[in-house]
Every structure is written in C-alpha cells, then in structure tokens.
N, C-alpha and C. Protein backbone atom coordinates (compact mmCIF):
# COMPACT_ATOMS: atom_id res chain seq x y z
N MET A 1 8.65 23.97 -6.74
CA MET A 1 8.13 23.71 -5.41
C MET A 1 8.12 22.21 -5.12
N LYS A 2 7.74 21.40 -6.11
CA LYS A 2 7.72 19.95 -5.90
C LYS A 2 9.11 19.44 -5.59
N MET A 3 10.14 19.96 -6.31
CA MET A 3 11.50 19.51 -6.05
C MET A 3 11.93 19.88 -4.64
N LEU A 4 11.57 21.09 -4.19
CA LEU A 4 11.90 21.51 -2.84
C LEU A 4 11.25 20.60 -1.81
N GLU A 5 9.97 20.25 -2.04
CA GLU A 5 9.28 19.36 -1.11
C GLU A 5 9.98 18.01 -1.04
N THR A 6 10.44 17.50 -2.19
CA THR A 6 11.12 16.22 -2.23
C THR A 6 12.42 16.28 -1.45
N ILE A 7 13.19 17.36 -1.65
CA ILE A 7 14.45 17.51 -0.95
C ILE A 7 14.22 17.58 0.56
N LEU A 8 13.23 18.37 0.98
CA LEU A 8 12.94 18.48 2.40
C LEU A 8 12.53 17.15 2.99
N SER A 9 11.73 16.38 2.25
CA SER A 9 11.28 15.09 2.75
C SER A 9 12.45 14.15 2.92
N ARG A 10 13.39 14.17 1.98
CA ARG A 10 14.54 13.28 2.08
C ARG A 10 15.42 13.67 3.26
N LYS A 11 15.57 14.97 3.50
CA LYS A 11 16.35 15.39 4.65
C LYS A 11 15.67 14.96 5.94
N ALA A 12 14.35 15.05 5.98
CA ALA A 12 13.62 14.66 7.18
C ALA A 12 13.81 13.19 7.49
N GLY A 13 14.02 12.39 6.44
CA GLY A 13 14.21 10.97 6.63
C GLY A 13 15.65 10.59 6.88
N GLY A 14 16.53 11.58 7.03
CA GLY A 14 17.93 11.29 7.31
C GLY A 14 18.72 11.03 6.06
N GLY A 15 18.40 11.69 4.95
CA GLY A 15 19.11 11.47 3.71
C GLY A 15 18.24 10.73 2.73
N ILE A 16 18.80 10.48 1.54
CA ILE A 16 18.02 9.81 0.51
C ILE A 16 17.62 8.41 0.96
N GLY A 17 18.53 7.70 1.61
CA GLY A 17 18.19 6.40 2.15
C GLY A 17 18.08 5.33 1.09
N THR A 18 17.94 4.09 1.55
CA THR A 18 17.85 2.95 0.64
C THR A 18 16.68 2.04 0.94
N ASN A 19 15.96 2.27 2.02
CA ASN A 19 14.87 1.37 2.41
C ASN A 19 13.54 1.71 1.77
N THR A 20 13.25 2.99 1.60
CA THR A 20 11.96 3.43 1.06
C THR A 20 12.04 3.46 -0.46
N LEU A 21 11.26 2.61 -1.10
CA LEU A 21 11.23 2.56 -2.56
C LEU A 21 10.17 3.48 -3.14
N LEU A 22 9.03 3.58 -2.46
CA LEU A 22 7.93 4.43 -2.90
C LEU A 22 7.30 5.07 -1.68
N LEU A 23 6.99 6.36 -1.80
CA LEU A 23 6.25 7.05 -0.75
C LEU A 23 5.34 8.07 -1.41
N MET A 24 4.04 7.89 -1.20
CA MET A 24 3.06 8.83 -1.74
C MET A 24 2.24 9.41 -0.59
N GLN A 25 2.21 10.73 -0.53
CA GLN A 25 1.46 11.45 0.49
C GLN A 25 0.52 12.42 -0.22
N ALA A 26 -0.73 12.42 0.18
CA ALA A 26 -1.75 13.15 -0.56
C ALA A 26 -1.44 14.64 -0.68
N ASP A 27 -0.83 15.21 0.34
CA ASP A 27 -0.55 16.64 0.27
C ASP A 27 0.59 16.98 -0.68
N LYS A 28 1.27 15.94 -1.22
CA LYS A 28 2.30 16.14 -2.23
C LYS A 28 1.78 15.85 -3.64
N GLY A 29 0.53 15.40 -3.76
CA GLY A 29 -0.04 15.12 -5.07
C GLY A 29 0.21 13.70 -5.53
N PHE A 30 -0.10 13.44 -6.79
CA PHE A 30 0.07 12.10 -7.38
C PHE A 30 1.52 11.93 -7.82
N THR A 31 2.41 11.90 -6.84
CA THR A 31 3.85 11.84 -7.07
C THR A 31 4.49 10.90 -6.07
N ASP A 32 5.44 10.10 -6.53
CA ASP A 32 6.24 9.28 -5.63
C ASP A 32 7.40 10.14 -5.16
N ILE A 33 7.36 10.62 -3.93
CA ILE A 33 8.41 11.53 -3.47
C ILE A 33 9.71 10.79 -3.16
N ALA A 34 9.67 9.47 -3.05
CA ALA A 34 10.90 8.69 -2.87
C ALA A 34 11.62 8.50 -4.20
N ASN A 35 10.88 8.53 -5.29
CA ASN A 35 11.43 8.38 -6.64
C ASN A 35 10.61 9.26 -7.58
N PRO A 36 10.89 10.57 -7.60
CA PRO A 36 10.06 11.49 -8.38
C PRO A 36 10.00 11.20 -9.87
N SER A 37 10.97 10.44 -10.39
CA SER A 37 10.95 10.12 -11.82
C SER A 37 10.01 8.96 -12.15
N ARG A 38 9.47 8.29 -11.14
CA ARG A 38 8.56 7.18 -11.39
C ARG A 38 7.26 7.70 -12.02
N LEU A 39 6.80 7.01 -13.05
CA LEU A 39 5.55 7.39 -13.70
C LEU A 39 4.37 6.93 -12.85
N VAL A 40 3.55 7.87 -12.43
CA VAL A 40 2.35 7.59 -11.64
C VAL A 40 1.16 8.16 -12.39
N GLN A 41 0.14 7.33 -12.60
CA GLN A 41 -1.02 7.74 -13.37
C GLN A 41 -2.30 7.51 -12.57
N LYS A 42 -3.37 8.10 -13.05
CA LYS A 42 -4.68 7.88 -12.43
C LYS A 42 -5.36 6.69 -13.09
N TYR A 43 -5.99 5.86 -12.26
CA TYR A 43 -6.75 4.71 -12.73
C TYR A 43 -8.22 5.05 -12.53
N SER A 44 -8.92 5.36 -13.59
CA SER A 44 -10.27 5.90 -13.54
C SER A 44 -10.21 7.32 -12.98
N ASN A 45 -10.90 7.61 -11.88
CA ASN A 45 -11.04 9.01 -11.47
C ASN A 45 -10.78 9.22 -9.97
N PRO A 46 -9.57 8.93 -9.49
CA PRO A 46 -9.25 9.29 -8.11
C PRO A 46 -8.99 10.79 -8.03
N VAL A 47 -9.20 11.36 -6.87
CA VAL A 47 -8.92 12.79 -6.68
C VAL A 47 -8.25 12.98 -5.33
N ILE A 48 -7.64 14.12 -5.16
CA ILE A 48 -7.14 14.52 -3.86
C ILE A 48 -8.20 15.40 -3.23
N GLY A 49 -8.79 14.91 -2.15
CA GLY A 49 -9.94 15.60 -1.56
C GLY A 49 -9.77 15.83 -0.08
N SER A 50 -10.64 16.65 0.45
CA SER A 50 -10.57 17.02 1.87
C SER A 50 -11.71 16.41 2.69
N THR A 51 -12.47 15.48 2.10
CA THR A 51 -13.57 14.86 2.84
C THR A 51 -13.07 14.14 4.08
N GLN A 52 -11.93 13.42 3.94
CA GLN A 52 -11.30 12.74 5.06
C GLN A 52 -9.81 13.05 5.02
N SER A 53 -9.19 13.13 6.17
CA SER A 53 -7.75 13.38 6.21
C SER A 53 -7.17 12.77 7.48
N LYS A 54 -5.90 12.37 7.37
CA LYS A 54 -5.21 11.75 8.50
C LYS A 54 -4.14 12.66 9.10
N PHE A 55 -3.11 12.99 8.31
CA PHE A 55 -2.01 13.79 8.82
C PHE A 55 -1.98 15.21 8.25
N SER A 56 -2.60 15.41 7.10
CA SER A 56 -2.70 16.74 6.52
C SER A 56 -4.18 17.04 6.38
N ASN A 57 -4.53 17.99 5.53
CA ASN A 57 -5.95 18.31 5.36
C ASN A 57 -6.56 17.64 4.14
N VAL A 58 -5.82 16.68 3.53
CA VAL A 58 -6.32 16.01 2.34
C VAL A 58 -5.94 14.53 2.37
N SER A 59 -6.55 13.76 1.47
CA SER A 59 -6.21 12.35 1.28
C SER A 59 -6.47 11.99 -0.17
N PHE A 60 -5.98 10.80 -0.57
CA PHE A 60 -6.31 10.28 -1.89
C PHE A 60 -7.73 9.71 -1.83
N ASP A 61 -8.66 10.35 -2.51
CA ASP A 61 -10.04 9.87 -2.54
C ASP A 61 -10.15 8.82 -3.64
N CYS A 62 -10.16 7.55 -3.24
CA CYS A 62 -10.20 6.43 -4.18
C CYS A 62 -11.60 5.83 -4.28
N THR A 63 -12.61 6.61 -3.96
CA THR A 63 -13.98 6.12 -4.13
C THR A 63 -14.38 6.07 -5.60
N GLY A 64 -13.62 6.75 -6.45
CA GLY A 64 -13.93 6.74 -7.88
C GLY A 64 -12.81 6.21 -8.75
N GLY A 65 -11.79 5.63 -8.14
CA GLY A 65 -10.67 5.10 -8.92
C GLY A 65 -9.45 4.96 -8.04
N GLY A 66 -8.31 4.63 -8.66
CA GLY A 66 -7.10 4.39 -7.89
C GLY A 66 -5.88 5.01 -8.53
N ILE A 67 -4.73 4.60 -8.05
CA ILE A 67 -3.43 5.09 -8.50
C ILE A 67 -2.76 3.97 -9.27
N LEU A 68 -2.30 4.26 -10.48
CA LEU A 68 -1.72 3.24 -11.36
C LEU A 68 -0.25 3.51 -11.59
N ILE A 69 0.55 2.48 -11.46
CA ILE A 69 1.97 2.54 -11.80
C ILE A 69 2.21 1.51 -12.89
N PRO A 70 2.56 1.94 -14.11
CA PRO A 70 2.75 1.01 -15.22
C PRO A 70 3.85 -0.01 -14.92
N ALA A 71 3.78 -1.14 -15.59
CA ALA A 71 4.74 -2.22 -15.36
C ALA A 71 6.18 -1.74 -15.51
N ALA A 72 6.44 -0.93 -16.52
CA ALA A 72 7.80 -0.47 -16.77
C ALA A 72 8.33 0.42 -15.65
N SER A 73 7.43 0.98 -14.85
CA SER A 73 7.83 1.90 -13.78
C SER A 73 7.83 1.26 -12.40
N LYS A 74 7.54 -0.04 -12.31
CA LYS A 74 7.43 -0.68 -10.98
C LYS A 74 8.33 -1.89 -10.83
N LYS A 75 9.34 -1.99 -11.67
CA LYS A 75 10.19 -3.19 -11.62
C LYS A 75 10.89 -3.33 -10.28
N ASP A 76 11.18 -2.22 -9.61
CA ASP A 76 11.80 -2.29 -8.28
C ASP A 76 10.80 -2.61 -7.19
N LEU A 77 9.52 -2.67 -7.55
CA LEU A 77 8.46 -2.97 -6.58
C LEU A 77 7.96 -4.40 -6.71
N VAL A 78 8.73 -5.23 -7.41
CA VAL A 78 8.45 -6.66 -7.54
C VAL A 78 9.48 -7.39 -6.69
N PHE A 79 9.01 -8.30 -5.84
CA PHE A 79 9.90 -8.96 -4.88
C PHE A 79 9.82 -10.48 -5.03
N SER A 80 10.97 -11.11 -5.13
CA SER A 80 11.02 -12.57 -5.14
C SER A 80 10.85 -13.10 -3.72
N ALA A 81 10.66 -14.40 -3.61
CA ALA A 81 10.37 -15.00 -2.30
C ALA A 81 11.50 -14.84 -1.30
N ASP A 82 12.72 -14.62 -1.80
CA ASP A 82 13.87 -14.49 -0.90
C ASP A 82 14.22 -13.04 -0.59
N LYS A 83 13.30 -12.13 -0.90
CA LYS A 83 13.53 -10.71 -0.63
C LYS A 83 12.47 -10.18 0.34
N PRO A 84 12.87 -9.40 1.33
CA PRO A 84 11.89 -8.82 2.26
C PRO A 84 11.22 -7.59 1.65
N TYR A 85 10.04 -7.28 2.14
CA TYR A 85 9.35 -6.08 1.68
C TYR A 85 8.25 -5.70 2.67
N THR A 86 7.82 -4.46 2.59
CA THR A 86 6.67 -3.98 3.34
C THR A 86 5.85 -3.06 2.45
N ILE A 87 4.56 -3.31 2.37
CA ILE A 87 3.63 -2.44 1.65
C ILE A 87 2.62 -1.97 2.69
N GLU A 88 2.53 -0.67 2.89
CA GLU A 88 1.65 -0.17 3.95
C GLU A 88 0.98 1.13 3.54
N PHE A 89 -0.14 1.39 4.19
CA PHE A 89 -0.89 2.61 3.91
C PHE A 89 -1.92 2.82 5.02
N TRP A 90 -2.44 4.02 5.07
CA TRP A 90 -3.58 4.33 5.93
C TRP A 90 -4.83 4.37 5.06
N ALA A 91 -5.91 3.76 5.54
CA ALA A 91 -7.16 3.71 4.78
C ALA A 91 -8.33 4.13 5.65
N TYR A 92 -9.17 4.96 5.09
CA TYR A 92 -10.46 5.29 5.70
C TYR A 92 -11.51 4.63 4.80
N ASN A 93 -11.97 3.45 5.21
CA ASN A 93 -12.88 2.67 4.39
C ASN A 93 -14.32 3.14 4.55
N THR A 94 -15.01 3.27 3.45
CA THR A 94 -16.43 3.62 3.50
C THR A 94 -17.32 2.41 3.26
N SER A 95 -16.72 1.31 2.79
CA SER A 95 -17.47 0.07 2.54
C SER A 95 -16.51 -1.10 2.61
N LEU A 96 -17.02 -2.26 3.01
CA LEU A 96 -16.25 -3.51 2.97
C LEU A 96 -17.01 -4.56 2.16
N ASN A 97 -17.80 -4.10 1.24
CA ASN A 97 -18.62 -4.98 0.41
C ASN A 97 -17.93 -5.21 -0.93
N ASN A 98 -17.06 -6.24 -0.97
CA ASN A 98 -16.33 -6.58 -2.19
C ASN A 98 -15.54 -5.38 -2.71
N VAL A 99 -14.41 -5.11 -2.06
CA VAL A 99 -13.56 -3.98 -2.43
C VAL A 99 -12.14 -4.48 -2.71
N TRP A 100 -11.39 -3.70 -3.47
CA TRP A 100 -9.98 -3.99 -3.77
C TRP A 100 -9.14 -2.80 -3.34
N TRP A 101 -8.13 -3.06 -2.52
CA TRP A 101 -7.19 -2.00 -2.15
C TRP A 101 -5.95 -2.00 -3.02
N LEU A 102 -5.59 -3.15 -3.57
CA LEU A 102 -4.28 -3.25 -4.19
C LEU A 102 -4.21 -4.47 -5.10
N TYR A 103 -3.55 -4.31 -6.23
CA TYR A 103 -3.11 -5.49 -6.98
C TYR A 103 -1.89 -5.17 -7.82
N SER A 104 -1.04 -6.19 -8.01
CA SER A 104 0.22 -5.98 -8.72
C SER A 104 0.65 -7.23 -9.47
N GLY A 105 -0.28 -8.16 -9.68
CA GLY A 105 0.06 -9.42 -10.33
C GLY A 105 -0.89 -9.77 -11.44
N ARG A 106 -1.03 -11.04 -11.69
CA ARG A 106 -1.92 -11.55 -12.73
C ARG A 106 -3.13 -12.21 -12.08
N SER A 107 -4.29 -11.91 -12.60
CA SER A 107 -5.53 -12.52 -12.11
C SER A 107 -5.62 -12.34 -10.60
N ALA A 108 -5.78 -13.42 -9.85
CA ALA A 108 -5.94 -13.35 -8.39
C ALA A 108 -4.59 -13.57 -7.71
N GLN A 109 -3.61 -12.76 -8.07
CA GLN A 109 -2.29 -12.85 -7.46
C GLN A 109 -1.80 -11.46 -7.07
N SER A 110 -1.05 -11.40 -6.00
CA SER A 110 -0.49 -10.15 -5.50
C SER A 110 -1.56 -9.08 -5.36
N ASP A 111 -2.53 -9.37 -4.50
CA ASP A 111 -3.61 -8.42 -4.29
C ASP A 111 -4.09 -8.45 -2.84
N LEU A 112 -4.84 -7.41 -2.49
CA LEU A 112 -5.50 -7.32 -1.19
C LEU A 112 -6.91 -6.84 -1.44
N LYS A 113 -7.89 -7.63 -0.96
CA LYS A 113 -9.28 -7.33 -1.32
C LYS A 113 -10.23 -7.93 -0.29
N VAL A 114 -11.50 -7.56 -0.40
CA VAL A 114 -12.58 -8.22 0.33
C VAL A 114 -13.49 -8.87 -0.70
N TYR A 115 -13.78 -10.15 -0.47
CA TYR A 115 -14.69 -10.88 -1.36
C TYR A 115 -15.56 -11.79 -0.50
N SER A 116 -16.86 -11.71 -0.68
CA SER A 116 -17.82 -12.56 0.02
C SER A 116 -17.60 -12.58 1.53
N GLY A 117 -17.35 -11.41 2.08
CA GLY A 117 -17.26 -11.29 3.53
C GLY A 117 -15.92 -11.59 4.14
N ASN A 118 -14.91 -11.89 3.32
CA ASN A 118 -13.57 -12.17 3.83
C ASN A 118 -12.54 -11.24 3.22
N VAL A 119 -11.54 -10.90 4.01
CA VAL A 119 -10.36 -10.21 3.50
C VAL A 119 -9.41 -11.27 2.96
N TYR A 120 -8.93 -11.06 1.74
CA TYR A 120 -7.97 -11.98 1.12
C TYR A 120 -6.68 -11.24 0.80
N LEU A 121 -5.57 -11.83 1.21
CA LEU A 121 -4.25 -11.38 0.81
C LEU A 121 -3.61 -12.51 0.02
N GLN A 122 -3.21 -12.23 -1.20
CA GLN A 122 -2.60 -13.24 -2.06
C GLN A 122 -1.32 -12.69 -2.65
N ASP A 123 -0.23 -13.49 -2.57
CA ASP A 123 0.96 -13.10 -3.31
C ASP A 123 1.01 -13.91 -4.59
N GLU A 124 2.18 -14.24 -5.11
CA GLU A 124 2.25 -14.94 -6.39
C GLU A 124 2.00 -16.44 -6.27
N GLY A 125 1.67 -16.93 -5.08
CA GLY A 125 1.39 -18.35 -4.96
C GLY A 125 0.74 -18.76 -3.66
N GLY A 126 0.84 -17.92 -2.65
CA GLY A 126 0.25 -18.21 -1.35
C GLY A 126 -0.85 -17.23 -1.01
N SER A 127 -1.56 -17.51 0.08
CA SER A 127 -2.67 -16.62 0.45
C SER A 127 -3.06 -16.82 1.91
N LEU A 128 -3.78 -15.84 2.41
CA LEU A 128 -4.45 -15.96 3.70
C LEU A 128 -5.78 -15.24 3.59
N TYR A 129 -6.67 -15.56 4.53
CA TYR A 129 -7.95 -14.86 4.56
C TYR A 129 -8.42 -14.75 6.00
N ALA A 130 -9.31 -13.80 6.22
CA ALA A 130 -9.88 -13.57 7.55
C ALA A 130 -11.20 -12.84 7.36
N PRO A 131 -12.11 -12.92 8.32
CA PRO A 131 -13.37 -12.20 8.19
C PRO A 131 -13.14 -10.70 7.99
N SER A 132 -13.94 -10.10 7.14
CA SER A 132 -13.77 -8.67 6.86
C SER A 132 -14.02 -7.80 8.08
N SER A 133 -14.59 -8.38 9.13
CA SER A 133 -14.82 -7.62 10.36
C SER A 133 -13.52 -7.18 11.02
N PHE A 134 -12.39 -7.79 10.62
CA PHE A 134 -11.11 -7.34 11.15
C PHE A 134 -10.74 -5.97 10.60
N MET A 135 -11.29 -5.61 9.45
CA MET A 135 -11.12 -4.27 8.92
C MET A 135 -12.19 -3.36 9.55
N THR A 136 -12.06 -2.06 9.31
CA THR A 136 -13.02 -1.13 9.89
C THR A 136 -13.51 -0.16 8.83
N THR A 137 -14.66 0.42 9.09
CA THR A 137 -15.16 1.52 8.28
C THR A 137 -15.36 2.73 9.18
N GLY A 138 -15.33 3.90 8.58
CA GLY A 138 -15.62 5.11 9.33
C GLY A 138 -14.52 5.59 10.25
N LYS A 139 -13.30 5.04 10.11
CA LYS A 139 -12.15 5.50 10.89
C LYS A 139 -10.88 5.16 10.12
N TRP A 140 -9.82 5.85 10.43
CA TRP A 140 -8.54 5.58 9.77
C TRP A 140 -7.92 4.30 10.32
N THR A 141 -7.47 3.44 9.41
CA THR A 141 -6.91 2.14 9.75
C THR A 141 -5.55 1.99 9.08
N HIS A 142 -4.56 1.53 9.84
CA HIS A 142 -3.24 1.27 9.27
C HIS A 142 -3.19 -0.17 8.77
N VAL A 143 -2.79 -0.35 7.53
CA VAL A 143 -2.72 -1.68 6.90
C VAL A 143 -1.29 -1.91 6.43
N ALA A 144 -0.74 -3.08 6.73
CA ALA A 144 0.62 -3.41 6.30
C ALA A 144 0.70 -4.86 5.84
N ILE A 145 1.29 -5.05 4.68
CA ILE A 145 1.63 -6.37 4.16
C ILE A 145 3.14 -6.50 4.28
N VAL A 146 3.60 -7.53 4.97
CA VAL A 146 5.03 -7.68 5.23
C VAL A 146 5.49 -9.06 4.81
N GLY A 147 6.49 -9.10 3.94
CA GLY A 147 7.11 -10.36 3.55
C GLY A 147 8.51 -10.45 4.14
N THR A 148 8.79 -11.51 4.86
CA THR A 148 10.14 -11.75 5.35
C THR A 148 10.76 -12.84 4.50
N ALA A 149 12.00 -12.65 4.12
CA ALA A 149 12.66 -13.50 3.14
C ALA A 149 12.60 -14.98 3.51
N ASN A 150 12.01 -15.77 2.60
CA ASN A 150 11.92 -17.23 2.77
C ASN A 150 11.30 -17.64 4.10
N ASP A 151 10.45 -16.79 4.65
CA ASP A 151 9.87 -17.08 5.96
C ASP A 151 8.36 -16.99 5.93
N LYS A 152 7.78 -15.78 6.11
CA LYS A 152 6.33 -15.63 6.17
C LYS A 152 5.90 -14.33 5.49
N VAL A 153 4.67 -14.35 5.01
CA VAL A 153 3.97 -13.13 4.61
C VAL A 153 2.90 -12.88 5.65
N ARG A 154 2.88 -11.68 6.20
CA ARG A 154 1.94 -11.34 7.27
C ARG A 154 1.10 -10.14 6.87
N LEU A 155 -0.14 -10.14 7.33
CA LEU A 155 -1.03 -9.01 7.14
C LEU A 155 -1.31 -8.40 8.51
N PHE A 156 -1.04 -7.12 8.65
CA PHE A 156 -1.30 -6.40 9.90
C PHE A 156 -2.40 -5.37 9.67
N VAL A 157 -3.33 -5.30 10.58
CA VAL A 157 -4.36 -4.26 10.58
C VAL A 157 -4.29 -3.57 11.94
N ASP A 158 -3.97 -2.29 11.91
CA ASP A 158 -3.75 -1.52 13.15
C ASP A 158 -2.77 -2.23 14.07
N GLY A 159 -1.72 -2.78 13.48
CA GLY A 159 -0.64 -3.38 14.25
C GLY A 159 -0.86 -4.80 14.71
N LYS A 160 -2.00 -5.39 14.40
CA LYS A 160 -2.30 -6.76 14.81
C LYS A 160 -2.24 -7.70 13.61
N ILE A 161 -1.69 -8.89 13.82
CA ILE A 161 -1.62 -9.89 12.75
C ILE A 161 -3.01 -10.44 12.48
N ILE A 162 -3.40 -10.44 11.22
CA ILE A 162 -4.71 -10.91 10.79
C ILE A 162 -4.54 -12.14 9.92
N GLY A 163 -5.31 -13.18 10.18
CA GLY A 163 -5.20 -14.40 9.40
C GLY A 163 -3.95 -15.20 9.77
N VAL A 164 -3.69 -16.25 9.02
CA VAL A 164 -2.55 -17.14 9.27
C VAL A 164 -1.44 -16.82 8.28
N PRO A 165 -0.27 -16.36 8.75
CA PRO A 165 0.84 -16.06 7.84
C PRO A 165 1.20 -17.27 6.99
N PHE A 166 1.72 -17.00 5.79
CA PHE A 166 2.02 -18.09 4.86
C PHE A 166 3.40 -17.91 4.24
N LEU A 167 3.92 -18.98 3.66
CA LEU A 167 5.24 -18.95 3.04
C LEU A 167 5.22 -18.05 1.81
N PRO A 168 6.21 -17.18 1.64
CA PRO A 168 6.20 -16.26 0.51
C PRO A 168 6.49 -16.95 -0.81
N LYS A 169 5.80 -16.50 -1.84
CA LYS A 169 6.04 -16.96 -3.21
C LYS A 169 6.43 -15.79 -4.12
N GLY A 170 6.66 -14.65 -3.51
CA GLY A 170 7.01 -13.46 -4.28
C GLY A 170 5.82 -12.53 -4.40
N TRP A 171 6.12 -11.24 -4.54
CA TRP A 171 5.05 -10.24 -4.67
C TRP A 171 5.20 -9.48 -5.98
N GLY A 172 4.11 -9.43 -6.73
CA GLY A 172 4.08 -8.66 -7.96
C GLY A 172 4.62 -9.43 -9.15
N HIS A 173 4.18 -9.02 -10.33
CA HIS A 173 4.67 -9.61 -11.57
C HIS A 173 5.28 -8.51 -12.41
N VAL A 174 6.46 -8.79 -12.94
CA VAL A 174 7.23 -7.76 -13.62
C VAL A 174 6.52 -7.19 -14.84
N ASN A 175 5.62 -7.96 -15.44
CA ASN A 175 4.93 -7.50 -16.65
C ASN A 175 3.54 -6.94 -16.39
N GLN A 176 3.18 -6.79 -15.12
CA GLN A 176 1.85 -6.29 -14.78
C GLN A 176 1.93 -4.94 -14.08
N GLN A 177 0.96 -4.10 -14.33
CA GLN A 177 0.89 -2.81 -13.66
C GLN A 177 0.50 -2.99 -12.20
N MET A 178 0.75 -1.96 -11.41
CA MET A 178 0.28 -1.95 -10.02
C MET A 178 -0.83 -0.91 -9.90
N VAL A 179 -1.90 -1.29 -9.21
CA VAL A 179 -2.99 -0.35 -8.93
C VAL A 179 -3.18 -0.30 -7.42
N ILE A 180 -3.19 0.90 -6.88
CA ILE A 180 -3.38 1.12 -5.45
C ILE A 180 -4.69 1.86 -5.25
N GLY A 181 -5.54 1.35 -4.39
CA GLY A 181 -6.82 1.99 -4.14
C GLY A 181 -7.93 1.52 -5.04
N SER A 182 -7.65 0.50 -5.85
CA SER A 182 -8.66 -0.05 -6.75
C SER A 182 -8.17 -1.40 -7.25
N GLY A 183 -8.92 -1.99 -8.16
CA GLY A 183 -8.59 -3.27 -8.75
C GLY A 183 -9.68 -3.64 -9.71
N GLU A 184 -10.20 -4.85 -9.58
CA GLU A 184 -11.36 -5.21 -10.41
C GLU A 184 -12.54 -4.31 -10.08
N ILE A 185 -12.61 -3.86 -8.83
CA ILE A 185 -13.57 -2.85 -8.41
C ILE A 185 -12.85 -1.88 -7.47
N ASN A 186 -13.47 -0.77 -7.16
CA ASN A 186 -12.82 0.25 -6.35
C ASN A 186 -12.70 -0.17 -4.89
N SER A 187 -11.84 0.53 -4.19
CA SER A 187 -11.70 0.30 -2.75
C SER A 187 -12.77 1.05 -1.96
N TRP A 188 -13.36 2.07 -2.57
CA TRP A 188 -14.32 2.92 -1.85
C TRP A 188 -13.69 3.44 -0.56
N ALA A 189 -12.42 3.83 -0.67
CA ALA A 189 -11.67 4.27 0.50
C ALA A 189 -10.92 5.56 0.22
N HIS A 190 -10.55 6.22 1.30
CA HIS A 190 -9.63 7.34 1.24
C HIS A 190 -8.29 6.82 1.76
N LEU A 191 -7.21 7.08 1.05
CA LEU A 191 -5.90 6.55 1.40
C LEU A 191 -4.90 7.68 1.63
N ASP A 192 -3.88 7.38 2.40
CA ASP A 192 -2.75 8.31 2.56
C ASP A 192 -1.55 7.52 3.07
N GLN A 193 -0.38 8.17 2.98
CA GLN A 193 0.86 7.59 3.49
C GLN A 193 1.08 6.19 2.90
N ILE A 194 1.13 6.12 1.59
CA ILE A 194 1.35 4.85 0.90
C ILE A 194 2.86 4.65 0.78
N ARG A 195 3.37 3.61 1.40
CA ARG A 195 4.82 3.39 1.41
C ARG A 195 5.14 1.94 1.07
N ILE A 196 6.14 1.75 0.21
CA ILE A 196 6.67 0.43 -0.11
C ILE A 196 8.16 0.44 0.20
N SER A 197 8.59 -0.56 0.95
CA SER A 197 9.98 -0.63 1.42
C SER A 197 10.59 -1.98 1.05
N ASN A 198 11.91 -2.00 0.99
CA ASN A 198 12.61 -3.25 0.69
C ASN A 198 13.14 -3.92 1.95
N ILE A 199 12.48 -3.65 3.07
CA ILE A 199 12.78 -4.32 4.33
C ILE A 199 11.47 -4.77 4.97
N ALA A 200 11.56 -5.73 5.87
CA ALA A 200 10.39 -6.16 6.64
C ALA A 200 10.31 -5.29 7.88
N ARG A 201 9.46 -4.27 7.84
CA ARG A 201 9.41 -3.30 8.93
C ARG A 201 8.72 -3.83 10.19
N TYR A 202 7.83 -4.79 10.04
CA TYR A 202 7.08 -5.32 11.19
C TYR A 202 7.04 -6.85 11.08
N THR A 203 7.39 -7.53 12.15
CA THR A 203 7.30 -8.99 12.17
C THR A 203 6.47 -9.50 13.35
N ALA A 204 6.08 -8.62 14.24
CA ALA A 204 5.22 -8.96 15.38
C ALA A 204 4.29 -7.77 15.62
N ALA A 205 3.33 -7.96 16.51
CA ALA A 205 2.37 -6.89 16.79
C ALA A 205 3.09 -5.59 17.15
N PHE A 206 2.52 -4.47 16.72
CA PHE A 206 3.17 -3.18 16.93
C PHE A 206 2.12 -2.09 17.08
N THR A 207 2.55 -0.95 17.56
CA THR A 207 1.68 0.22 17.64
C THR A 207 1.78 0.99 16.33
N PRO A 208 0.67 1.25 15.65
CA PRO A 208 0.72 1.95 14.36
C PRO A 208 1.43 3.29 14.47
N PRO A 209 2.09 3.72 13.41
CA PRO A 209 2.81 5.00 13.42
C PRO A 209 1.87 6.16 13.77
N THR A 210 2.42 7.15 14.42
CA THR A 210 1.62 8.31 14.82
C THR A 210 2.02 9.58 14.06
N ASP A 211 3.00 9.46 13.17
CA ASP A 211 3.45 10.59 12.38
C ASP A 211 3.50 10.20 10.91
N PRO A 212 3.53 11.18 10.01
CA PRO A 212 3.68 10.87 8.58
C PRO A 212 4.99 10.13 8.34
N PHE A 213 5.01 9.27 7.34
CA PHE A 213 6.23 8.56 7.00
C PHE A 213 7.27 9.52 6.43
N VAL A 214 8.54 9.18 6.65
CA VAL A 214 9.64 9.90 6.03
C VAL A 214 10.49 8.88 5.27
N ILE A 215 11.28 9.38 4.36
CA ILE A 215 12.13 8.50 3.55
C ILE A 215 13.35 8.09 4.36
N ASP A 216 13.59 6.81 4.43
CA ASP A 216 14.79 6.31 5.12
C ASP A 216 15.56 5.35 4.23
C-alpha cells in the first residue's frame, strides 16, 4: 500500500520530478514519499495524531519529539551557498516560548527557533531574527526558508518576508543529523506537508499554498 501511495503521489506531481528532494505528509506516516529509501527515525516521541489537522485528518504531533534524519541519509539535503533551496512546512504552534522547529547543523547553525522572544533563522554562517509575534499560535501557519544562490536567505511566514534577508553561507552540515519538529527543545507544534526542494520556490511575498504538496 505504501508503494502504491508513493506511485500515485509521483503521478500527481507530474512524474518523479527533480525539484522535490523530501516530502513528508502525516497521512503517509513517517516516510519520505519523494525518496522512500531515505532513513527516517523518531526523535524522542513524536506521533501521528488527530488533535490538529490541515489537509487530512492527521498531523505530525511534535509536542513530544520530532523527526530525525541521520547524517548519512541527508547528504542531498545539505546546500552550499551557491545552491538554491526551499525548506517549508505547515505548523500549528501551541507555544512560542523557546521552541525549535528545525536544525541540521552544528551548535547554533542551520536552525529555526524561538529564543528569548525572538525568532532566529541561522544557516552555516549568517542569520536573521524578528519578534516571535510574527509567528502565531492556535492556527495553521505556513513557514518557508528560501535560499537563492549567492544572493539571499529569506524567511517567510504565511507568505510574508520576516526579518532582514542575509547572504547565504550554506544550509546544513554533512556530518550532522537533521531534526524536524524539535531540537535542543521541542517545537510544541503539530506539523504537516514538510517539503525540501532544490529550487528557490519563493523570492517575494506570496499567497500560501491551498492544497497538499505534490512531487515535482
């Protein structure tokens, strides 16, 4: 059944495609449907739950943990400064009190978090920050990190640019695992439609997607 779901998803996206590197949808389980052979593990105790949902009747409940991709399984999800990328997801935040949505680097690098009342986005050398009030709780929010080659890294929340874009220094470290929905502490969020692409999908303000992502 999982293989059939993967095949159907790829057809819906117009073929296997080359832009979508990772796509995780809660109704498909803890599986990367863009690359089913990728090793995906649980970080602490995330579950697929029905407390909140966006496009299906379930979401990734990351209030108790996150999704882990070991270093050996995420080498295609590491981007140098001259490569474009997009990391995006839908989040239903239950708290903005020092939370981590994502990390893929060393120490305070390649992460997205809230600390001391500010949202911080950091790649392998640059960063931006903005008041956490730009994020929301109690509703579904579209979040996108977009790197354009040798140009800017931008953070979008519900299609709006947040903070001051900065020069890219690369995203992720080849020897470090990636954790989605957690980090040094949990995100306390419900997530869905987690997609990583090797193109810059958004470079200016946009209307958030209204349908589930497909593989392109």
